[in-house]
Protein backbone atom coordinates (compact mmCIF):
# COMPACT_ATOMS: atom_id res chain seq x y z
CA THR A 1 -180.45 -143.22 -14.09
CA MET A 2 -180.02 -139.96 -12.24
CA ALA A 3 -180.66 -141.61 -8.89
CA SER A 4 -177.52 -143.73 -9.24
CA SER A 5 -175.44 -140.86 -10.63
CA SER A 6 -172.87 -138.98 -8.61
CA VAL A 7 -174.85 -135.81 -9.29
CA PRO A 8 -177.66 -135.09 -6.78
CA VAL A 9 -181.05 -135.50 -8.42
CA TYR A 10 -182.18 -131.95 -7.80
CA LEU A 11 -179.16 -130.66 -9.76
CA GLY A 12 -179.67 -133.00 -12.70
CA ASP A 13 -181.27 -132.30 -16.05
CA GLU A 14 -184.46 -134.27 -15.52
CA ILE A 15 -186.83 -135.09 -18.36
CA LEU A 16 -189.52 -132.47 -17.91
CA THR A 17 -193.17 -132.77 -18.87
CA GLN A 18 -194.39 -130.40 -21.57
CA GLU A 19 -196.59 -128.75 -18.97
CA THR A 20 -193.54 -127.96 -16.84
CA ARG A 21 -191.55 -126.75 -19.86
CA ASP A 22 -194.38 -124.34 -20.61
CA LEU A 23 -194.42 -123.24 -16.98
CA LEU A 24 -190.64 -122.65 -16.98
CA SER A 25 -190.92 -120.38 -19.99
CA SER A 26 -193.27 -118.11 -18.07
CA LEU A 27 -191.24 -117.91 -14.82
CA PRO A 28 -188.60 -115.37 -13.75
CA SER A 29 -185.14 -116.95 -14.04
CA GLU A 30 -181.61 -116.13 -12.95
CA LYS A 31 -178.21 -117.68 -13.53
CA GLY A 32 -177.49 -120.25 -10.83
CA TRP A 33 -174.19 -121.10 -9.17
CA LEU A 34 -174.72 -124.87 -9.05
CA VAL A 35 -176.83 -125.11 -12.20
CA SER A 36 -177.10 -122.88 -15.26
CA GLN A 37 -180.56 -121.49 -14.44
CA MET A 38 -182.78 -121.14 -11.39
CA TYR A 39 -186.51 -120.42 -11.64
CA GLN A 40 -188.78 -118.49 -9.30
CA TYR A 41 -191.99 -120.33 -8.54
CA GLU A 42 -194.49 -119.21 -5.91
CA GLY A 43 -191.90 -116.97 -4.29
CA SER A 44 -189.00 -119.45 -4.07
CA TRP A 45 -186.09 -120.30 -6.38
CA HIS A 46 -185.70 -123.84 -7.74
CA THR A 47 -183.78 -125.92 -10.25
CA LYS A 48 -185.69 -127.37 -13.22
CA ALA A 49 -185.67 -130.83 -11.69
CA MET A 50 -186.91 -129.67 -8.28
CA LEU A 51 -189.63 -127.59 -9.90
CA GLN A 52 -190.83 -130.71 -11.70
CA GLY A 53 -190.89 -132.49 -8.34
CA ILE A 54 -192.91 -129.69 -6.77
CA VAL A 55 -195.43 -129.67 -9.61
CA ASN A 56 -195.79 -133.46 -9.36
CA CYS A 57 -196.21 -133.24 -5.59
CA GLN A 58 -198.84 -130.50 -5.77
CA LYS A 59 -200.75 -132.39 -8.44
CA HIS A 60 -200.58 -135.96 -7.17
CA PHE A 61 -199.95 -136.15 -3.41
CA GLU A 62 -202.99 -137.18 -1.39
CA ALA A 63 -202.70 -136.66 2.35
CA ASN A 64 -204.28 -138.92 4.95
CA ASP A 65 -205.74 -137.48 8.14
CA SER A 66 -203.20 -139.54 10.11
CA ASP A 67 -200.17 -138.17 8.20
CA ILE A 68 -197.40 -136.20 9.89
CA ILE A 69 -195.54 -133.65 7.78
CA LEU A 70 -192.20 -132.20 8.88
CA ALA A 71 -191.66 -128.80 7.25
CA THR A 72 -188.33 -126.95 7.35
CA ILE A 73 -186.05 -124.64 5.44
CA PRO A 74 -182.92 -126.59 4.38
CA LYS A 75 -180.16 -126.64 7.03
CA SER A 76 -182.61 -125.83 9.82
CA GLY A 77 -182.39 -129.07 11.78
CA THR A 78 -184.17 -131.31 9.27
CA THR A 79 -182.00 -134.38 9.94
CA TRP A 80 -182.40 -134.11 13.72
CA LEU A 81 -186.18 -133.61 13.48
CA LYS A 82 -186.50 -136.55 11.10
CA ALA A 83 -184.75 -138.77 13.63
CA LEU A 84 -186.75 -137.47 16.60
CA LEU A 85 -190.14 -137.75 14.90
CA PHE A 86 -189.39 -141.20 13.47
CA ALA A 87 -188.30 -142.45 16.90
CA LEU A 88 -191.31 -140.84 18.57
CA ILE A 89 -194.12 -142.14 16.42
CA HIS A 90 -192.65 -145.62 15.93
CA ARG A 91 -191.37 -146.22 19.46
CA ASN A 92 -193.77 -149.09 20.11
CA LYS A 93 -192.70 -150.82 16.89
CA PHE A 94 -189.01 -149.95 17.34
CA PRO A 95 -188.09 -149.75 21.05
CA VAL A 96 -185.06 -147.54 21.58
CA CYS A 97 -183.29 -150.24 23.55
CA GLY A 98 -183.49 -152.66 20.61
CA ASN A 99 -181.92 -152.86 17.16
CA HIS A 100 -183.28 -149.46 16.10
CA PRO A 101 -183.43 -148.49 12.39
CA LEU A 102 -181.66 -145.21 13.18
CA LEU A 103 -178.56 -147.19 14.16
CA ALA A 104 -178.32 -148.74 10.69
CA THR A 105 -179.95 -146.20 8.37
CA ASN A 106 -179.45 -142.48 7.75
CA PRO A 107 -182.57 -140.56 8.93
CA HIS A 108 -183.33 -139.25 5.44
CA PRO A 109 -184.39 -142.53 3.75
CA LEU A 110 -186.57 -143.30 6.78
CA VAL A 111 -188.58 -140.10 6.25
CA PRO A 112 -189.35 -139.50 2.53
CA TYR A 113 -188.81 -136.01 1.10
CA LEU A 114 -192.08 -135.21 -0.67
CA GLU A 115 -191.09 -132.96 -3.56
CA GLY A 116 -187.63 -134.56 -3.66
CA ASP A 117 -189.08 -138.04 -4.20
CA TYR A 118 -191.48 -136.68 -6.81
CA CYS A 119 -188.40 -135.14 -8.45
CA VAL A 120 -186.99 -138.67 -8.91
CA SER A 121 -190.27 -140.17 -10.15
CA PRO A 122 -193.76 -138.80 -10.82
CA ASP A 123 -195.16 -142.21 -9.89
CA VAL A 124 -193.68 -142.37 -6.38
CA ASN A 125 -195.94 -144.32 -4.03
CA PHE A 126 -196.23 -143.29 -0.38
CA PHE A 127 -198.92 -145.86 0.40
CA LYS A 128 -196.28 -148.39 1.44
CA LEU A 129 -195.28 -146.25 4.42
CA PRO A 130 -196.48 -147.52 7.80
CA SER A 131 -199.27 -145.51 9.41
CA PRO A 132 -198.94 -142.82 10.63
CA ARG A 133 -197.02 -141.82 7.51
CA LEU A 134 -194.15 -139.45 8.29
CA MET A 135 -192.90 -137.28 5.42
CA GLN A 136 -190.80 -134.12 5.04
CA THR A 137 -190.98 -131.02 2.86
CA HIS A 138 -189.17 -127.72 2.33
CA LEU A 139 -192.22 -126.15 0.69
CA SER A 140 -193.63 -122.90 2.01
CA HIS A 141 -197.05 -123.17 3.62
CA HIS A 142 -198.84 -121.60 0.64
CA SER A 143 -197.14 -124.06 -1.76
CA LEU A 144 -198.17 -127.21 0.13
CA PRO A 145 -200.42 -129.64 -1.74
CA VAL A 146 -204.05 -128.75 -1.13
CA SER A 147 -204.74 -132.12 0.51
CA ILE A 148 -202.20 -131.39 3.29
CA LYS A 149 -203.91 -128.12 4.19
CA SER A 150 -207.47 -129.42 3.84
CA SER A 151 -206.97 -132.71 5.73
CA SER A 152 -206.53 -133.21 9.48
CA CYS A 153 -202.90 -134.25 9.13
CA LYS A 154 -200.36 -132.72 11.51
CA ILE A 155 -197.51 -130.39 10.54
CA VAL A 156 -194.36 -129.92 12.62
CA TYR A 157 -192.41 -126.85 11.51
CA CYS A 158 -188.82 -126.13 12.55
CA CYS A 159 -186.75 -123.05 11.74
CA ARG A 160 -183.53 -121.51 13.06
CA ASN A 161 -181.62 -118.25 13.25
CA PRO A 162 -181.00 -117.27 9.59
CA LYS A 163 -177.39 -116.37 10.42
CA ASP A 164 -176.68 -120.06 11.07
CA PHE A 165 -177.74 -121.25 7.61
CA ILE A 166 -178.03 -118.17 5.39
CA GLY A 167 -180.78 -119.68 3.32
CA GLY A 168 -183.79 -118.12 1.67
CA PRO A 169 -186.42 -116.98 1.29
CA PHE A 170 -186.43 -117.08 5.08
CA TRP A 171 -188.78 -114.56 6.65
CA ASP A 172 -191.94 -115.26 4.65
CA HIS A 173 -191.42 -119.02 4.99
CA VAL A 174 -191.21 -118.73 8.78
CA LEU A 175 -194.08 -116.27 9.17
CA GLU A 176 -196.51 -118.35 7.11
CA TYR A 177 -196.03 -121.37 9.36
CA TRP A 178 -195.96 -119.18 12.49
CA TYR A 179 -199.35 -117.66 11.69
CA ALA A 180 -200.71 -121.09 10.73
CA SER A 181 -199.63 -122.43 14.14
CA LEU A 182 -201.46 -119.56 15.86
CA GLU A 183 -204.62 -120.07 13.80
CA TYR A 184 -204.57 -123.88 13.86
CA PRO A 185 -202.63 -124.94 17.00
CA ASN A 186 -203.96 -128.48 16.78
CA LYS A 187 -202.64 -128.83 13.21
CA VAL A 188 -199.33 -126.91 13.13
CA PHE A 189 -196.64 -127.22 15.80
CA PHE A 190 -193.98 -124.50 15.57
CA VAL A 191 -190.53 -125.07 17.08
CA THR A 192 -187.17 -123.37 16.70
CA TYR A 193 -183.84 -125.17 16.46
CA GLU A 194 -182.55 -122.94 19.25
CA GLY A 195 -185.46 -123.83 21.52
CA LEU A 196 -185.07 -127.51 20.74
CA LYS A 197 -181.35 -127.39 21.57
CA LYS A 198 -181.89 -125.59 24.89
CA HIS A 199 -184.96 -127.50 26.09
CA THR A 200 -184.78 -130.78 24.18
CA GLY A 201 -186.61 -132.99 26.67
CA ASP A 202 -189.49 -130.57 27.20
CA MET A 203 -189.88 -129.85 23.49
CA VAL A 204 -189.85 -133.57 22.61
CA LYS A 205 -192.60 -134.16 25.19
CA ARG A 206 -194.65 -131.32 23.71
CA MET A 207 -194.22 -132.68 20.19
CA ALA A 208 -195.26 -136.15 21.35
CA GLU A 209 -198.41 -134.77 22.96
CA PHE A 210 -199.21 -132.74 19.83
CA LEU A 211 -198.84 -135.91 17.72
CA GLY A 212 -201.03 -137.96 20.07
CA CYS A 213 -198.25 -140.22 21.32
CA GLY A 214 -197.42 -138.63 24.67
CA PHE A 215 -195.01 -140.17 27.17
CA THR A 216 -195.87 -141.84 30.46
CA GLU A 217 -192.30 -142.24 31.73
CA GLU A 218 -189.57 -139.61 31.89
CA GLU A 219 -186.91 -142.21 31.22
CA GLU A 220 -188.43 -142.92 27.80
CA VAL A 221 -187.97 -139.27 26.83
CA SER A 222 -184.27 -139.23 27.70
CA THR A 223 -183.54 -142.45 25.78
CA ILE A 224 -185.08 -141.02 22.59
CA VAL A 225 -183.24 -137.72 23.07
CA LYS A 226 -179.95 -139.60 23.47
CA LEU A 227 -180.55 -141.88 20.47
CA CYS A 228 -181.33 -138.93 18.19
CA SER A 229 -178.66 -136.56 19.49
CA PHE A 230 -176.09 -135.07 17.13
CA GLU A 231 -173.35 -136.74 19.15
CA SER A 232 -174.90 -140.20 18.73
CA LEU A 233 -176.03 -139.99 15.09
CA SER A 234 -172.92 -138.24 13.74
CA LYS A 235 -170.64 -141.04 15.02
CA LEU A 236 -172.54 -143.85 13.29
CA GLU A 237 -170.80 -145.34 10.25
CA VAL A 238 -174.02 -145.09 8.21
CA ASN A 239 -173.91 -141.29 8.66
CA ARG A 240 -170.18 -140.92 7.95
CA GLN A 241 -169.75 -142.93 4.74
CA GLY A 242 -171.55 -143.36 1.42
CA LYS A 243 -174.35 -141.58 -0.41
CA LEU A 244 -178.12 -141.50 -0.38
CA PRO A 245 -180.01 -142.73 -3.49
CA ASN A 246 -180.31 -139.11 -4.64
CA GLY A 247 -176.53 -138.79 -4.84
CA ILE A 248 -175.93 -136.62 -1.74
CA GLU A 249 -173.13 -137.67 0.64
CA THR A 250 -174.57 -138.86 3.98
CA ASN A 251 -172.09 -136.81 5.99
CA ALA A 252 -173.35 -133.62 4.32
CA PHE A 253 -176.28 -133.65 6.73
CA PHE A 254 -174.11 -133.45 9.85
CA ARG A 255 -172.34 -130.15 10.34
CA LYS A 256 -171.59 -128.99 13.92
CA GLY A 257 -175.04 -129.20 15.46
CA GLU A 258 -174.38 -125.96 17.34
CA ILE A 259 -176.03 -122.58 17.87
CA GLY A 260 -174.09 -119.46 16.90
CA GLY A 261 -171.79 -121.03 14.33
CA TRP A 262 -172.41 -117.97 12.15
CA ARG A 263 -169.66 -116.14 14.07
CA ASP A 264 -167.10 -118.22 12.15
CA THR A 265 -168.35 -117.13 8.72
CA LEU A 266 -170.26 -113.83 8.95
CA SER A 267 -168.90 -110.33 9.49
CA GLU A 268 -170.44 -108.37 12.35
CA SER A 269 -171.83 -105.85 9.86
CA LEU A 270 -173.65 -108.50 7.82
CA ALA A 271 -174.91 -110.13 11.01
CA ASP A 272 -176.31 -106.76 12.09
CA VAL A 273 -178.10 -106.34 8.75
CA ILE A 274 -179.69 -109.79 9.12
CA ASP A 275 -180.72 -109.02 12.71
CA ARG A 276 -182.30 -105.70 11.71
CA THR A 277 -184.13 -107.32 8.80
CA THR A 278 -185.40 -110.09 11.07
CA GLU A 279 -186.69 -107.57 13.62
CA GLU A 280 -188.37 -105.58 10.85
CA LYS A 281 -189.97 -108.59 9.15
CA PHE A 282 -191.15 -110.18 12.40
CA GLY A 283 -192.32 -106.91 13.94
CA GLY A 284 -195.84 -107.22 15.33
CA SER A 285 -196.03 -110.98 14.73
CA GLY A 286 -195.28 -111.96 18.33
CA LEU A 287 -192.38 -114.02 17.01
CA ASN A 288 -189.13 -113.05 18.73
CA PHE A 289 -187.00 -115.98 19.68
CA PHE A 290 -183.60 -116.03 18.00
CA CYS A 291 -180.33 -115.83 19.93
């Protein structure tokens, strides 16, 4: 099966439903660099397999009011947020001082990837997750399953300076969640990777309050921050060796964990173009936070 293959699932040639094949034929496509073709769907570019996962997710996922959804653009702190949110909401079940799951398991299997899991199987079952269910997505706000937007479930959104991941589409993805957080502050919590790095303790406390599991002791905050830190997680054997079921190497999720790493890879001229575009796109939104 593809899940046991050395090729990541989202790059594989999944068996597509006829409905998705018909959809693909109607979508804009371009030659990909990891796969032969990429397809534009609802403003974003996807492989065939991932598009099938997105269609399955949009069609079949049913949100509960108690669900917590972590939304990010890839390479925007997803692994760190998965660890923090898992530790936060399950801290009564898994005390940090004990034999914590994060010490023995990569954060990604602990927090299912919605459209990614639906990419592996259309029959994926999230009911087995303990309540509150914690799940992750890279979908834009407008592409989320209807049940996520119509239910009372909570969304935590994290983004970072585009120069530090050079991913896309960036600006629309960020602005959609930014405006959603302004319109529905009790439903969408917006945080930046930069803000989380600089004010980790305070931001973790704010997230906990937003999720209804606020802290009573300051010491408890620092122990969770330490457990989930890049320094702690990146040294664990489970995050240095082996692969996830989808075929991705576990160490691929741990880069440098720093702000400003773009200076090693981007020219000043390209960095200036990105900065100007960011200022232009975010102009008038009230969103101005990148270093």
